[in-house]
Amino acid sequence: MPDTSVIRSDLSGYAEKTAWTIRYLDKQQKTLGKARPRPQDLPNYRTVPTAYTELLRTRRYSENTIRTYTNLFEEFINYYHTLDPKEITEKEILAYLRYLVDERQVSISYQNQAINARHGMLSSFIMNRY
């Protein structure tokens, strides 16, 4: 709820009637992680090949999942923008996942989506089609 003087006054009045004590705490500022690279940040920014999204559609993934996995794939291939995607090893994939947690400080949900995108489609696509 918004922190306004009217709301604080209403809460104080209610607290007095019910013998409650109100404590106001300052919000702790969440430490923001490193931002996702933007196309203008990298000289050779790569977009996801249309064959990848077609493969997801063929496997009947929802449009939301396709959009999510496509964004994750794009972020991943641009994390290793100096490597040919076929050269990316399992070790580098794990390093990327650690980067998401340690430097980007992504949510658990985002991390799980990255893992699912990688296991569900990403590795087979990189190895066979990219």
N, C-alpha and C. Protein backbone atom coordinates (compact mmCIF):
# COMPACT_ATOMS: atom_id res chain seq x y z
N MET A 1 0.85 -1.17 0.00
CA MET A 1 0.00 0.00 0.00
C MET A 1 0.89 1.24 0.00
N PRO A 2 0.42 2.30 -0.57
CA PRO A 2 1.22 3.52 -0.61
C PRO A 2 1.48 4.07 0.78
N ASP A 3 2.61 4.68 0.97
CA ASP A 3 2.96 5.28 2.25
C ASP A 3 2.61 6.76 2.19
N THR A 4 1.36 7.06 2.56
CA THR A 4 0.90 8.45 2.56
C THR A 4 0.51 8.86 3.97
N SER A 5 0.41 10.15 4.19
CA SER A 5 0.04 10.64 5.53
C SER A 5 -1.39 10.21 5.88
N VAL A 6 -2.28 10.15 4.93
CA VAL A 6 -3.67 9.73 5.19
C VAL A 6 -3.69 8.28 5.64
N ILE A 7 -2.96 7.42 4.94
CA ILE A 7 -2.93 6.00 5.30
C ILE A 7 -2.27 5.81 6.66
N ARG A 8 -1.18 6.53 6.91
CA ARG A 8 -0.53 6.43 8.23
C ARG A 8 -1.48 6.87 9.35
N SER A 9 -2.24 7.94 9.10
CA SER A 9 -3.19 8.43 10.09
C SER A 9 -4.29 7.39 10.35
N ASP A 10 -4.82 6.81 9.27
CA ASP A 10 -5.85 5.78 9.42
C ASP A 10 -5.31 4.57 10.17
N LEU A 11 -4.10 4.15 9.85
CA LEU A 11 -3.49 3.01 10.54
C LEU A 11 -3.25 3.33 12.02
N SER A 12 -2.78 4.54 12.30
CA SER A 12 -2.54 4.93 13.69
C SER A 12 -3.85 4.92 14.49
N GLY A 13 -4.92 5.42 13.89
CA GLY A 13 -6.22 5.41 14.56
C GLY A 13 -6.69 4.00 14.84
N TYR A 14 -6.53 3.12 13.86
CA TYR A 14 -6.93 1.73 14.04
C TYR A 14 -6.07 1.05 15.11
N ALA A 15 -4.78 1.34 15.09
CA ALA A 15 -3.87 0.74 16.07
C ALA A 15 -4.23 1.18 17.49
N GLU A 16 -4.59 2.43 17.66
CA GLU A 16 -4.99 2.91 18.99
C GLU A 16 -6.23 2.18 19.48
N LYS A 17 -7.20 1.97 18.60
CA LYS A 17 -8.45 1.30 18.98
C LYS A 17 -8.23 -0.17 19.35
N THR A 18 -7.26 -0.78 18.72
CA THR A 18 -7.03 -2.22 18.92
C THR A 18 -5.84 -2.51 19.83
N ALA A 19 -5.21 -1.47 20.35
CA ALA A 19 -4.04 -1.60 21.23
C ALA A 19 -2.86 -2.25 20.52
N TRP A 20 -2.75 -1.97 19.25
CA TRP A 20 -1.59 -2.45 18.47
C TRP A 20 -0.50 -1.39 18.48
N THR A 21 0.71 -1.83 18.22
CA THR A 21 1.83 -0.91 18.07
C THR A 21 2.28 -0.96 16.61
N ILE A 22 2.49 0.20 16.05
CA ILE A 22 2.96 0.27 14.67
C ILE A 22 4.43 0.65 14.66
N ARG A 23 5.20 -0.11 13.90
CA ARG A 23 6.61 0.22 13.68
C ARG A 23 6.81 0.43 12.19
N TYR A 24 7.39 1.54 11.84
CA TYR A 24 7.68 1.83 10.45
C TYR A 24 9.15 1.49 10.19
N LEU A 25 9.36 0.63 9.20
CA LEU A 25 10.71 0.22 8.85
C LEU A 25 11.06 0.76 7.48
N ASP A 26 12.27 1.21 7.36
CA ASP A 26 12.74 1.63 6.04
C ASP A 26 12.97 0.40 5.19
N LYS A 27 12.60 0.50 3.93
CA LYS A 27 12.86 -0.61 3.02
C LYS A 27 14.35 -0.75 2.81
N GLN A 28 14.80 -1.98 2.77
CA GLN A 28 16.18 -2.21 2.42
C GLN A 28 16.29 -2.18 0.91
N GLN A 29 17.27 -1.50 0.43
CA GLN A 29 17.47 -1.45 -1.01
C GLN A 29 18.08 -2.75 -1.49
N LYS A 30 17.44 -3.35 -2.46
CA LYS A 30 17.95 -4.59 -3.03
C LYS A 30 19.17 -4.26 -3.88
N THR A 31 20.21 -5.06 -3.71
CA THR A 31 21.39 -4.88 -4.52
C THR A 31 21.09 -5.34 -5.94
N LEU A 32 21.27 -4.45 -6.87
CA LEU A 32 20.99 -4.80 -8.25
C LEU A 32 22.20 -5.47 -8.86
N GLY A 33 21.94 -6.51 -9.61
CA GLY A 33 23.01 -7.21 -10.30
C GLY A 33 23.38 -6.51 -11.59
N LYS A 34 24.30 -7.09 -12.25
CA LYS A 34 24.78 -6.58 -13.53
C LYS A 34 23.66 -6.64 -14.56
N ALA A 35 23.55 -5.62 -15.38
CA ALA A 35 22.50 -5.57 -16.39
C ALA A 35 22.80 -6.52 -17.54
N ARG A 36 21.75 -6.94 -18.19
CA ARG A 36 21.88 -7.77 -19.38
C ARG A 36 22.50 -6.93 -20.50
N PRO A 37 23.44 -7.52 -21.28
CA PRO A 37 24.04 -6.75 -22.37
C PRO A 37 22.99 -6.35 -23.41
N ARG A 38 23.11 -5.15 -23.93
CA ARG A 38 22.21 -4.66 -24.97
C ARG A 38 22.89 -4.77 -26.31
N PRO A 39 22.13 -4.76 -27.39
CA PRO A 39 22.75 -4.87 -28.73
C PRO A 39 23.84 -3.83 -28.97
N GLN A 40 23.65 -2.62 -28.46
CA GLN A 40 24.65 -1.57 -28.67
C GLN A 40 25.90 -1.74 -27.82
N ASP A 41 25.85 -2.68 -26.84
CA ASP A 41 27.00 -2.90 -25.97
C ASP A 41 28.07 -3.78 -26.62
N LEU A 42 27.67 -4.57 -27.60
CA LEU A 42 28.60 -5.50 -28.23
C LEU A 42 28.72 -5.21 -29.73
N PRO A 43 29.94 -5.22 -30.25
CA PRO A 43 30.12 -4.90 -31.66
C PRO A 43 29.51 -5.95 -32.59
N ASN A 44 29.46 -7.20 -32.16
CA ASN A 44 28.92 -8.25 -33.03
C ASN A 44 27.75 -8.96 -32.34
N TYR A 45 26.80 -8.18 -31.85
CA TYR A 45 25.64 -8.73 -31.15
C TYR A 45 24.89 -9.67 -32.09
N ARG A 46 24.57 -10.84 -31.58
CA ARG A 46 23.90 -11.86 -32.39
C ARG A 46 22.43 -11.99 -31.98
N THR A 47 21.60 -12.17 -32.95
CA THR A 47 20.19 -12.47 -32.69
C THR A 47 19.98 -13.96 -32.87
N VAL A 48 18.88 -14.43 -32.34
CA VAL A 48 18.56 -15.85 -32.41
C VAL A 48 18.13 -16.20 -33.83
N PRO A 49 18.67 -17.27 -34.38
CA PRO A 49 18.25 -17.68 -35.72
C PRO A 49 16.76 -18.06 -35.75
N THR A 50 16.10 -17.77 -36.84
CA THR A 50 14.67 -18.10 -36.94
C THR A 50 14.45 -19.61 -36.85
N ALA A 51 15.44 -20.40 -37.22
CA ALA A 51 15.30 -21.86 -37.12
C ALA A 51 15.06 -22.29 -35.68
N TYR A 52 15.62 -21.56 -34.73
CA TYR A 52 15.43 -21.89 -33.31
C TYR A 52 13.97 -21.70 -32.91
N THR A 53 13.42 -20.53 -33.25
CA THR A 53 12.02 -20.29 -32.88
C THR A 53 11.09 -21.23 -33.65
N GLU A 54 11.43 -21.56 -34.89
CA GLU A 54 10.62 -22.52 -35.65
C GLU A 54 10.64 -23.89 -34.99
N LEU A 55 11.80 -24.29 -34.48
CA LEU A 55 11.92 -25.56 -33.79
C LEU A 55 11.05 -25.58 -32.53
N LEU A 56 11.04 -24.47 -31.79
CA LEU A 56 10.19 -24.38 -30.60
C LEU A 56 8.71 -24.47 -30.98
N ARG A 57 8.33 -23.80 -32.07
CA ARG A 57 6.93 -23.86 -32.52
C ARG A 57 6.55 -25.27 -32.97
N THR A 58 7.48 -25.92 -33.66
CA THR A 58 7.23 -27.29 -34.11
C THR A 58 6.98 -28.21 -32.93
N ARG A 59 7.67 -27.95 -31.85
CA ARG A 59 7.48 -28.77 -30.64
C ARG A 59 6.33 -28.26 -29.77
N ARG A 60 5.57 -27.31 -30.32
CA ARG A 60 4.33 -26.80 -29.73
C ARG A 60 4.52 -26.10 -28.39
N TYR A 61 5.62 -25.38 -28.25
CA TYR A 61 5.81 -24.54 -27.07
C TYR A 61 4.87 -23.35 -27.19
N SER A 62 4.43 -22.82 -26.06
CA SER A 62 3.54 -21.65 -26.07
C SER A 62 4.34 -20.43 -26.53
N GLU A 63 3.62 -19.41 -26.98
CA GLU A 63 4.29 -18.18 -27.43
C GLU A 63 5.07 -17.53 -26.30
N ASN A 64 4.55 -17.59 -25.07
CA ASN A 64 5.29 -17.04 -23.92
C ASN A 64 6.60 -17.79 -23.72
N THR A 65 6.56 -19.12 -23.79
CA THR A 65 7.77 -19.92 -23.62
C THR A 65 8.74 -19.66 -24.75
N ILE A 66 8.24 -19.55 -25.95
CA ILE A 66 9.11 -19.25 -27.11
C ILE A 66 9.80 -17.92 -26.91
N ARG A 67 9.06 -16.92 -26.49
CA ARG A 67 9.64 -15.58 -26.26
C ARG A 67 10.69 -15.65 -25.15
N THR A 68 10.37 -16.34 -24.06
CA THR A 68 11.31 -16.47 -22.94
C THR A 68 12.57 -17.20 -23.36
N TYR A 69 12.42 -18.36 -23.99
CA TYR A 69 13.58 -19.16 -24.39
C TYR A 69 14.42 -18.43 -25.44
N THR A 70 13.75 -17.70 -26.34
CA THR A 70 14.47 -16.94 -27.35
C THR A 70 15.31 -15.85 -26.70
N ASN A 71 14.73 -15.14 -25.74
CA ASN A 71 15.49 -14.11 -25.02
C ASN A 71 16.66 -14.71 -24.26
N LEU A 72 16.43 -15.85 -23.62
CA LEU A 72 17.50 -16.52 -22.88
C LEU A 72 18.61 -16.99 -23.82
N PHE A 73 18.22 -17.55 -24.94
CA PHE A 73 19.20 -18.02 -25.92
C PHE A 73 20.03 -16.85 -26.44
N GLU A 74 19.36 -15.75 -26.74
CA GLU A 74 20.07 -14.57 -27.24
C GLU A 74 21.07 -14.03 -26.21
N GLU A 75 20.63 -13.98 -24.96
CA GLU A 75 21.54 -13.53 -23.91
C GLU A 75 22.74 -14.48 -23.80
N PHE A 76 22.46 -15.76 -23.88
CA PHE A 76 23.51 -16.77 -23.76
C PHE A 76 24.53 -16.66 -24.90
N ILE A 77 24.06 -16.62 -26.15
CA ILE A 77 25.02 -16.58 -27.26
C ILE A 77 25.81 -15.28 -27.29
N ASN A 78 25.24 -14.23 -26.70
CA ASN A 78 25.98 -12.97 -26.65
C ASN A 78 26.89 -12.87 -25.44
N TYR A 79 26.68 -13.72 -24.45
CA TYR A 79 27.63 -13.80 -23.34
C TYR A 79 28.96 -14.32 -23.87
N TYR A 80 28.88 -15.25 -24.79
CA TYR A 80 30.08 -15.80 -25.45
C TYR A 80 30.15 -15.27 -26.89
N HIS A 81 30.05 -13.96 -27.02
CA HIS A 81 29.98 -13.35 -28.35
C HIS A 81 31.24 -13.52 -29.19
N THR A 82 32.34 -13.90 -28.58
CA THR A 82 33.57 -14.10 -29.36
C THR A 82 33.75 -15.55 -29.81
N LEU A 83 32.86 -16.43 -29.33
CA LEU A 83 32.97 -17.85 -29.68
C LEU A 83 31.91 -18.25 -30.69
N ASP A 84 32.24 -19.20 -31.52
CA ASP A 84 31.25 -19.84 -32.37
C ASP A 84 30.39 -20.68 -31.43
N PRO A 85 29.08 -20.57 -31.51
CA PRO A 85 28.23 -21.34 -30.59
C PRO A 85 28.51 -22.84 -30.58
N LYS A 86 29.00 -23.38 -31.68
CA LYS A 86 29.32 -24.81 -31.73
C LYS A 86 30.51 -25.16 -30.84
N GLU A 87 31.30 -24.15 -30.48
CA GLU A 87 32.49 -24.37 -29.65
C GLU A 87 32.20 -24.27 -28.15
N ILE A 88 30.99 -23.88 -27.78
CA ILE A 88 30.66 -23.71 -26.37
C ILE A 88 30.51 -25.08 -25.72
N THR A 89 31.24 -25.26 -24.63
CA THR A 89 31.25 -26.55 -23.94
C THR A 89 30.32 -26.54 -22.73
N GLU A 90 30.12 -27.70 -22.16
CA GLU A 90 29.33 -27.83 -20.93
C GLU A 90 29.92 -26.98 -19.81
N LYS A 91 31.24 -26.94 -19.74
CA LYS A 91 31.92 -26.15 -18.72
C LYS A 91 31.57 -24.66 -18.87
N GLU A 92 31.52 -24.18 -20.10
CA GLU A 92 31.18 -22.77 -20.33
C GLU A 92 29.70 -22.50 -20.04
N ILE A 93 28.85 -23.49 -20.29
CA ILE A 93 27.44 -23.33 -19.96
C ILE A 93 27.27 -23.19 -18.46
N LEU A 94 27.97 -24.01 -17.70
CA LEU A 94 27.91 -23.91 -16.23
C LEU A 94 28.46 -22.58 -15.74
N ALA A 95 29.53 -22.11 -16.38
CA ALA A 95 30.10 -20.80 -16.02
C ALA A 95 29.08 -19.70 -16.29
N TYR A 96 28.34 -19.82 -17.37
CA TYR A 96 27.30 -18.84 -17.69
C TYR A 96 26.21 -18.84 -16.62
N LEU A 97 25.79 -20.03 -16.19
CA LEU A 97 24.76 -20.13 -15.15
C LEU A 97 25.26 -19.52 -13.84
N ARG A 98 26.53 -19.71 -13.54
CA ARG A 98 27.10 -19.07 -12.33
C ARG A 98 27.12 -17.55 -12.48
N TYR A 99 27.42 -17.09 -13.68
CA TYR A 99 27.38 -15.65 -13.96
C TYR A 99 25.98 -15.09 -13.70
N LEU A 100 24.94 -15.82 -14.14
CA LEU A 100 23.57 -15.35 -13.91
C LEU A 100 23.29 -15.18 -12.42
N VAL A 101 23.77 -16.13 -11.62
CA VAL A 101 23.51 -16.10 -10.18
C VAL A 101 24.39 -15.07 -9.49
N ASP A 102 25.68 -15.11 -9.75
CA ASP A 102 26.63 -14.28 -9.00
C ASP A 102 26.66 -12.82 -9.46
N GLU A 103 26.73 -12.59 -10.75
CA GLU A 103 26.88 -11.22 -11.24
C GLU A 103 25.55 -10.56 -11.61
N ARG A 104 24.70 -11.28 -12.32
CA ARG A 104 23.41 -10.70 -12.70
C ARG A 104 22.42 -10.76 -11.57
N GLN A 105 22.64 -11.66 -10.60
CA GLN A 105 21.76 -11.84 -9.44
C GLN A 105 20.30 -12.03 -9.87
N VAL A 106 20.11 -12.94 -10.82
CA VAL A 106 18.77 -13.21 -11.32
C VAL A 106 17.96 -13.99 -10.29
N SER A 107 16.67 -13.99 -10.46
CA SER A 107 15.80 -14.74 -9.56
C SER A 107 15.96 -16.24 -9.80
N ILE A 108 15.49 -17.01 -8.85
CA ILE A 108 15.53 -18.46 -9.00
C ILE A 108 14.70 -18.88 -10.21
N SER A 109 13.58 -18.22 -10.40
CA SER A 109 12.72 -18.53 -11.54
C SER A 109 13.46 -18.30 -12.87
N TYR A 110 14.16 -17.17 -12.97
CA TYR A 110 14.92 -16.86 -14.18
C TYR A 110 16.02 -17.89 -14.39
N GLN A 111 16.68 -18.25 -13.32
CA GLN A 111 17.75 -19.24 -13.40
C GLN A 111 17.18 -20.58 -13.89
N ASN A 112 16.05 -20.98 -13.35
CA ASN A 112 15.43 -22.24 -13.77
C ASN A 112 15.01 -22.19 -15.24
N GLN A 113 14.51 -21.05 -15.68
CA GLN A 113 14.14 -20.91 -17.09
C GLN A 113 15.38 -21.04 -17.97
N ALA A 114 16.48 -20.45 -17.53
CA ALA A 114 17.72 -20.55 -18.30
C ALA A 114 18.18 -22.01 -18.39
N ILE A 115 18.07 -22.72 -17.28
CA ILE A 115 18.45 -24.14 -17.28
C ILE A 115 17.51 -24.94 -18.17
N ASN A 116 16.21 -24.69 -18.07
CA ASN A 116 15.24 -25.42 -18.89
C ASN A 116 15.42 -25.10 -20.37
N ALA A 117 15.68 -23.85 -20.69
CA ALA A 117 15.92 -23.49 -22.08
C ALA A 117 17.15 -24.21 -22.61
N ARG A 118 18.15 -24.29 -21.77
CA ARG A 118 19.39 -24.95 -22.17
C ARG A 118 19.18 -26.44 -22.32
N HIS A 119 18.55 -27.08 -21.35
CA HIS A 119 18.35 -28.53 -21.43
C HIS A 119 17.28 -28.90 -22.43
N GLY A 120 16.22 -28.10 -22.50
CA GLY A 120 15.11 -28.43 -23.37
C GLY A 120 15.44 -28.30 -24.84
N MET A 121 16.15 -27.26 -25.21
CA MET A 121 16.34 -27.00 -26.64
C MET A 121 17.73 -26.50 -27.00
N LEU A 122 18.30 -25.70 -26.15
CA LEU A 122 19.49 -24.94 -26.50
C LEU A 122 20.67 -25.80 -26.92
N SER A 123 21.03 -26.77 -26.12
CA SER A 123 22.23 -27.54 -26.44
C SER A 123 22.08 -28.31 -27.74
N SER A 124 20.92 -28.93 -27.95
CA SER A 124 20.74 -29.69 -29.20
C SER A 124 20.75 -28.75 -30.40
N PHE A 125 20.18 -27.56 -30.23
CA PHE A 125 20.17 -26.62 -31.34
C PHE A 125 21.59 -26.14 -31.66
N ILE A 126 22.34 -25.78 -30.64
CA ILE A 126 23.71 -25.31 -30.85
C ILE A 126 24.54 -26.40 -31.51
N MET A 127 24.43 -27.60 -30.99
CA MET A 127 25.28 -28.68 -31.49
C MET A 127 24.90 -29.10 -32.91
N ASN A 128 23.63 -29.02 -33.27
CA ASN A 128 23.19 -29.58 -34.54
C ASN A 128 22.84 -28.59 -35.63
N ARG A 129 22.45 -27.38 -35.27
CA ARG A 129 21.88 -26.51 -36.28
C ARG A 129 22.52 -25.14 -36.41
N TYR A 130 23.05 -24.60 -35.37
CA TYR A 130 23.50 -23.21 -35.40
C TYR A 130 24.59 -23.01 -36.42
